[in-house]
Protein backbone atom coordinates (compact mmCIF):
# COMPACT_ATOMS: atom_id res chain seq x y z
CA MET A 1 106.83 113.14 93.79
CA ALA A 2 108.03 112.73 90.54
CA THR A 3 106.71 113.07 87.05
CA ILE A 4 105.77 110.70 84.76
CA ASP A 5 106.14 112.11 81.11
CA ARG A 6 107.20 110.92 77.70
CA GLN A 7 110.65 110.27 79.08
CA THR A 8 109.78 107.99 81.32
CA PRO A 9 109.23 105.15 79.83
CA THR A 10 112.59 105.78 77.57
CA LEU A 11 114.42 106.11 81.04
CA ALA A 12 113.11 102.89 82.38
CA LEU A 13 113.88 100.89 79.77
CA ALA A 14 117.78 102.60 80.40
CA HIS A 15 117.72 101.12 83.72
CA ALA A 16 116.33 97.56 83.36
CA LEU A 17 119.14 96.89 80.30
CA ALA A 18 121.35 98.47 82.98
CA ALA A 19 120.43 95.92 85.85
CA ALA A 20 120.41 93.31 83.16
CA GLY A 21 123.50 93.82 81.90
CA ARG A 22 124.46 93.34 86.02
CA GLY A 23 122.79 89.80 85.64
CA LEU A 24 118.94 90.88 87.34
CA PRO A 25 116.16 89.35 85.24
CA VAL A 26 113.95 92.09 84.54
CA PHE A 27 110.58 92.41 83.37
CA PRO A 28 108.20 96.22 82.86
CA LEU A 29 106.49 97.43 85.44
CA SER A 30 103.23 100.32 85.39
CA ALA A 31 102.99 103.19 87.60
CA THR A 32 101.51 100.42 89.88
CA LYS A 33 104.18 98.37 90.67
CA LEU A 34 102.29 95.62 88.66
CA PRO A 35 103.23 94.03 85.31
CA ALA A 36 102.82 96.56 82.30
CA LEU A 37 101.85 93.54 80.38
CA ARG A 38 98.54 92.06 80.51
CA SER A 39 98.14 88.31 80.26
CA PRO A 40 97.45 86.73 76.71
CA HIS A 41 95.25 84.00 78.80
CA ARG A 42 93.00 86.45 80.39
CA GLY A 43 88.93 85.95 79.55
CA GLU A 44 89.71 81.93 78.83
CA GLN A 45 87.52 79.10 80.55
CA PRO A 46 89.05 77.44 82.32
CA PRO A 47 91.86 79.45 83.50
CA THR A 48 95.04 78.97 82.00
CA HIS A 49 97.89 78.37 85.14
CA CYS A 50 100.52 79.25 82.46
CA ARG A 51 104.03 80.88 83.40
CA GLY A 52 105.17 81.30 80.02
CA GLU A 53 105.35 78.30 78.10
CA CYS A 54 103.27 79.63 75.34
CA GLY A 55 105.94 81.84 74.18
CA LEU A 56 103.93 84.92 74.66
CA PRO A 57 105.01 87.98 76.72
CA GLY A 58 102.22 88.68 79.76
CA HIS A 59 103.20 86.07 82.31
CA GLY A 60 104.63 89.17 85.11
CA VAL A 61 108.06 87.90 86.53
CA HIS A 62 108.20 84.80 84.97
CA ASP A 63 108.63 87.03 81.71
CA ALA A 64 112.27 88.47 83.12
CA THR A 65 115.02 87.88 81.14
CA THR A 66 119.03 89.19 81.26
CA ASP A 67 118.82 89.20 77.56
CA PRO A 68 119.10 92.75 76.16
CA ALA A 69 117.27 91.81 72.90
CA ALA A 70 114.10 90.39 75.25
CA VAL A 71 114.06 93.40 77.52
CA ARG A 72 113.58 95.14 74.48
CA ALA A 73 111.06 93.79 73.37
CA LEU A 74 109.11 93.61 76.55
CA PHE A 75 109.10 97.29 76.94
CA ALA A 76 107.90 97.72 73.39
CA ALA A 77 104.99 96.07 73.67
CA ALA A 78 104.37 98.41 76.99
CA PRO A 79 105.13 101.55 75.62
CA ARG A 80 103.50 102.99 78.87
CA ALA A 81 105.96 101.14 81.58
CA THR A 82 107.07 103.39 83.78
CA GLY A 83 109.85 100.89 85.78
CA TYR A 84 110.64 97.43 86.01
CA GLY A 85 110.84 94.52 88.43
CA ILE A 86 113.74 92.54 89.13
CA ALA A 87 112.83 88.84 89.78
CA CYS A 88 114.17 87.54 92.71
CA GLY A 89 115.17 83.82 93.41
CA ARG A 90 116.60 83.63 89.98
CA ALA A 91 120.62 82.52 88.84
CA PRO A 92 123.35 84.10 88.99
CA HIS A 93 122.39 86.41 92.07
CA ARG A 94 119.68 84.24 93.44
CA LEU A 95 118.49 87.79 94.85
CA ILE A 96 116.29 88.07 98.71
CA GLY A 97 114.81 91.22 99.14
CA ILE A 98 114.24 92.65 102.72
CA ASP A 99 111.55 95.27 102.60
CA LEU A 100 111.62 97.49 105.49
CA ASP A 101 108.12 99.63 105.79
CA VAL A 102 108.42 103.02 107.97
CA ASP A 103 105.56 104.81 109.04
CA PRO A 104 105.85 106.53 112.21
CA ALA A 105 101.85 107.16 111.91
CA TYR A 106 101.57 103.98 112.90
CA GLY A 107 104.26 103.23 114.93
CA SER A 108 105.54 100.96 112.55
CA ASP A 109 109.83 100.71 112.52
CA ALA A 110 110.68 97.86 110.34
CA THR A 111 114.68 99.17 110.23
CA GLY A 112 114.39 99.01 114.37
CA ALA A 113 112.50 95.29 114.37
CA LEU A 114 115.59 94.38 111.74
CA ARG A 115 117.86 95.44 113.85
CA GLN A 116 116.11 93.72 117.48
CA LEU A 117 116.07 90.30 115.26
CA ALA A 118 119.82 90.57 114.05
CA LEU A 119 120.43 91.43 118.39
CA GLN A 120 118.50 87.68 119.44
CA HIS A 121 119.85 85.82 116.69
CA LEU A 122 123.39 87.01 116.41
CA PHE A 123 123.86 87.99 112.98
CA THR A 124 125.02 91.63 111.20
CA ILE A 125 123.51 93.00 107.74
CA PRO A 126 126.80 93.69 105.92
CA PRO A 127 126.51 96.73 103.09
CA THR A 128 124.45 95.85 100.61
CA VAL A 129 122.67 97.70 97.37
CA THR A 130 119.87 99.75 99.30
CA VAL A 131 116.70 100.73 97.43
CA LEU A 132 115.16 103.78 98.99
CA THR A 133 111.13 103.45 98.36
CA PRO A 134 109.28 106.53 98.26
CA SER A 135 106.89 105.87 101.06
CA GLY A 136 110.34 106.09 102.92
CA GLY A 137 111.39 102.52 103.43
CA ARG A 138 113.87 100.35 102.37
CA HIS A 139 114.74 97.34 100.42
CA LEU A 140 118.29 95.75 101.38
CA TRP A 141 119.44 93.22 98.64
CA LEU A 142 121.11 89.92 99.58
CA THR A 143 121.91 86.84 97.80
CA GLY A 144 121.21 83.35 98.37
CA PRO A 145 122.83 80.06 98.35
CA ALA A 146 121.71 77.76 94.84
CA ASP A 147 120.24 75.07 97.62
CA ALA A 148 118.15 77.85 99.42
CA THR A 149 114.55 78.57 98.08
CA VAL A 150 113.37 81.36 99.98
CA PRO A 151 109.64 81.73 100.08
CA ASN A 152 107.64 85.59 99.50
CA SER A 153 106.22 86.54 102.91
CA ALA A 154 104.50 89.69 104.64
CA GLY A 155 105.29 90.68 109.03
CA ARG A 156 106.25 86.81 108.68
CA LEU A 157 109.48 87.65 110.42
CA ALA A 158 108.23 91.26 112.48
CA PRO A 159 105.71 93.83 111.70
CA GLY A 160 106.84 96.18 108.48
CA ILE A 161 109.45 93.41 107.27
CA ASP A 162 108.07 91.61 103.94
CA ILE A 163 110.17 89.43 102.04
CA ARG A 164 110.79 88.97 98.88
CA GLY A 165 111.67 85.91 97.19
CA THR A 166 111.83 82.94 94.46
CA GLY A 167 108.34 83.67 92.64
CA GLY A 168 108.70 87.49 93.66
CA TYR A 169 109.97 90.67 92.65
CA LEU A 170 111.31 94.03 93.65
CA VAL A 171 110.66 97.15 92.10
CA GLY A 172 114.23 98.40 89.96
CA PRO A 173 115.72 101.80 91.15
CA GLY A 174 114.89 104.70 88.77
CA SER A 175 111.71 103.22 88.40
CA VAL A 176 108.44 105.74 88.62
CA THR A 177 105.38 105.00 90.22
CA ALA A 178 102.16 106.83 90.88
CA HIS A 179 104.07 107.46 94.28
CA GLY A 180 107.15 108.88 93.45
CA ARG A 181 110.64 107.34 92.47
CA TYR A 182 112.91 104.43 93.66
CA ARG A 183 116.27 105.37 94.12
CA LEU A 184 119.53 103.67 95.33
CA ALA A 185 120.58 105.22 98.81
CA PRO A 186 123.93 107.17 98.85
CA GLY A 187 126.86 105.34 99.47
CA THR A 188 125.48 101.09 97.69
CA ALA A 189 125.68 102.43 93.95
CA HIS A 190 128.94 100.74 93.95
CA LEU A 191 127.96 97.51 95.84
CA THR A 192 127.06 94.29 94.56
CA PRO A 193 124.21 91.93 96.65
CA ALA A 194 125.92 90.61 99.65
CA PRO A 195 125.19 87.23 100.70
CA CYS A 196 122.49 86.62 103.13
CA PRO A 197 123.85 86.37 106.91
CA ARG A 198 123.48 82.16 107.58
CA ALA A 199 121.34 83.29 110.61
CA LEU A 200 118.91 85.00 109.07
CA LEU A 201 118.84 82.69 105.99
CA ARG A 202 118.02 80.16 108.95
CA LEU A 203 115.07 82.42 109.87
CA LEU A 204 114.15 82.76 105.92
CA THR A 205 113.46 79.32 104.99
CA GLN A 206 112.50 77.21 108.60
CA PRO A 207 108.88 77.14 108.97
CA ARG A 208 108.23 78.46 112.67
CA ARG A 209 108.45 76.06 115.76
CA PRO A 210 105.91 75.94 117.84
CA PRO A 211 105.90 77.00 121.10
CA SER A 212 107.18 73.71 123.21
CA ALA A 213 110.06 73.19 120.66
CA THR A 214 111.38 76.40 120.57
CA LYS A 215 111.62 76.04 124.50
CA ASP A 216 113.39 72.88 124.28
CA ALA A 217 115.69 73.93 121.43
CA ASP A 218 116.32 77.17 124.14
CA SER A 219 117.11 74.42 127.06
CA GLY A 220 119.34 72.80 125.28
CA ASN A 221 117.52 69.74 124.96
CA ALA A 222 117.34 69.90 120.77
CA GLY A 223 121.38 69.44 120.39
CA THR A 224 122.05 72.84 119.00
CA GLY A 225 125.35 73.63 118.29
CA THR A 226 124.96 77.50 118.90
CA ALA A 227 127.81 78.88 120.53
CA GLY A 228 125.33 80.03 123.67
CA THR A 229 123.66 76.44 124.48
CA GLY A 230 127.11 74.97 123.83
CA ALA A 231 128.24 77.28 126.65
CA ALA A 232 125.07 76.44 129.02
CA GLY A 233 126.70 73.40 130.16
CA THR A 234 124.36 70.62 128.28
CA GLY A 235 126.57 67.42 127.16
CA ALA A 236 125.57 64.51 125.52
CA ALA A 237 124.37 62.87 128.72
CA GLY A 238 121.27 65.20 127.91
CA LEU A 239 121.68 66.95 131.19
CA THR A 240 118.50 69.68 131.89
CA PRO A 241 121.12 72.70 132.95
CA THR A 242 120.29 73.92 136.76
CA PRO A 243 119.57 77.82 136.11
CA ASP A 244 123.02 77.76 138.64
CA ARG A 245 124.51 76.01 136.00
CA ARG A 246 122.31 78.09 132.92
CA GLY A 247 123.86 81.31 134.73
CA GLU A 248 127.26 80.50 134.49
CA GLY A 249 126.98 79.59 131.10
CA LEU A 250 125.81 82.54 129.67
CA ILE A 251 128.35 84.84 131.96
CA GLN A 252 131.38 82.90 130.34
CA PHE A 253 129.29 83.58 126.88
CA VAL A 254 129.70 87.16 127.75
CA LEU A 255 133.07 87.32 128.96
CA ALA A 256 134.14 85.75 125.42
CA ALA A 257 132.72 88.52 123.53
CA HIS A 258 135.01 90.38 121.54
CA GLU A 259 134.58 94.20 120.63
CA GLY A 260 131.97 94.29 118.00
CA GLN A 261 129.72 91.62 119.72
CA ARG A 262 129.54 92.81 123.48
CA ASN A 263 126.02 94.38 123.36
CA THR A 264 124.95 91.51 120.91
CA ARG A 265 126.41 88.59 123.15
CA LEU A 266 124.58 90.30 126.48
CA PHE A 267 121.29 91.06 124.75
CA TRP A 268 121.12 87.60 123.67
CA ALA A 269 122.31 85.77 127.05
CA ALA A 270 120.23 88.55 129.25
CA CYS A 271 117.05 87.08 126.68
CA ARG A 272 117.67 83.42 127.76
CA ALA A 273 118.37 83.98 130.97
CA TYR A 274 114.59 86.01 131.62
CA GLU A 275 113.16 83.16 129.33
CA HIS A 276 114.28 80.86 131.09
CA GLY A 277 113.08 82.19 135.01
CA PHE A 278 116.27 83.62 136.70
CA GLY A 279 116.83 87.00 134.60
CA ASP A 280 116.67 89.26 137.53
CA THR A 281 118.66 86.98 139.66
CA LEU A 282 121.70 87.19 136.88
CA ALA A 283 121.55 90.21 135.97
CA ASP A 284 124.02 91.71 138.07
CA GLY A 285 126.37 88.77 137.29
CA LEU A 286 126.07 89.43 133.36
CA THR A 287 126.49 93.55 134.16
CA ALA A 288 129.62 92.29 136.16
CA ALA A 289 130.99 90.38 132.65
CA ALA A 290 129.78 93.00 130.48
CA VAL A 291 131.68 95.44 132.52
CA ARG A 292 135.08 93.62 132.20
CA THR A 293 134.69 93.58 128.72
CA GLY A 294 134.58 97.10 128.25
CA LEU A 295 131.07 97.39 128.13
CA PRO A 296 130.06 101.01 129.93
CA GLU A 297 127.57 99.48 132.88
CA HIS A 298 124.93 101.85 131.98
CA GLU A 299 124.63 100.64 128.25
CA ALA A 300 125.13 96.84 130.05
CA ARG A 301 122.11 97.95 132.12
CA ALA A 302 119.94 99.05 129.27
CA ALA A 303 120.86 96.09 127.06
CA ILE A 304 119.68 93.95 130.41
CA ALA A 305 116.53 95.89 130.94
CA SER A 306 115.33 95.77 126.88
CA ALA A 307 115.59 91.99 127.14
CA ALA A 308 113.45 92.07 129.93
CA ARG A 309 110.95 93.97 128.33
CA LEU A 310 111.34 91.82 125.05
CA THR A 311 110.83 88.44 127.09
CA SER A 312 108.33 89.84 128.92
CA ARG A 313 106.04 90.80 125.99
CA ARG A 314 106.51 87.69 124.02
CA GLY A 315 105.06 85.83 127.62
CA GLU A 316 102.09 87.81 127.40
CA GLU A 317 101.40 87.33 124.26
CA THR A 318 101.81 83.37 124.52
CA ASN A 319 99.74 83.65 127.33
CA GLY A 320 96.98 85.52 125.42
CA ALA A 321 97.07 82.99 122.63
CA ALA A 322 96.21 80.10 124.80
């Protein structure tokens, strides 16, 4: 555990100034990871919903700035600050924080959950700035486009995955808290925040669809233009695919995989097959297609078995909620 001493606030200011110099809006944090400055409106009746319009410091993430003089002034007003927060969703980077918790005691593996999401939705997390937390988790830094507003959420994507978007903040590397120090992961200090993959951005910005809408979209009735549904044999006529036609499209989708896509495409196709009730029937065909692309048979069958387990759990959860 990191020691908090008289040098800690000085180091926190230095780290905050370095971050501000890279265009990241910052503000001081206490050892509890909360804003170090108390609100100037505390105790006011009725409560004041001020986001800094009054011109005084003490408005949390709304104090965040990239101006060095303003950063120094904030830390001067918070002499016990041991860290700094980085405001998400603000120009120029419009930072999006992917907070991955890892808690083996409770079976939580957010990194594995994110990997599963990437397989399901066909995206890859690019190399990017990664911050290691004292609890063993990770913060992945991504950037968003100017026309997208990413909301904050906790566990919405999957258990253990929290999102820091507009109005939220990340604890900056170099910060010291009561539980330890936040630090950059080895090999990522030279990186800049990478753009958020479009498929992941859609998950972060779109509200959850009801199960019936999801089923229609997966059947091709929603007119989606993804490679998977495009290969499924649904056209402008709005024909509902039969299992044979759907299976043929999924096999062609797997056969079109290049190196680096084979496992991902196979898993996605197997999930769609099991969701529509003919996964077992198509398993051998999908395996053969994957082997033709160069994937070892045992890896292909393992991916298909994983898809079967995943879709089975989803069905049980849906039936339980009903």
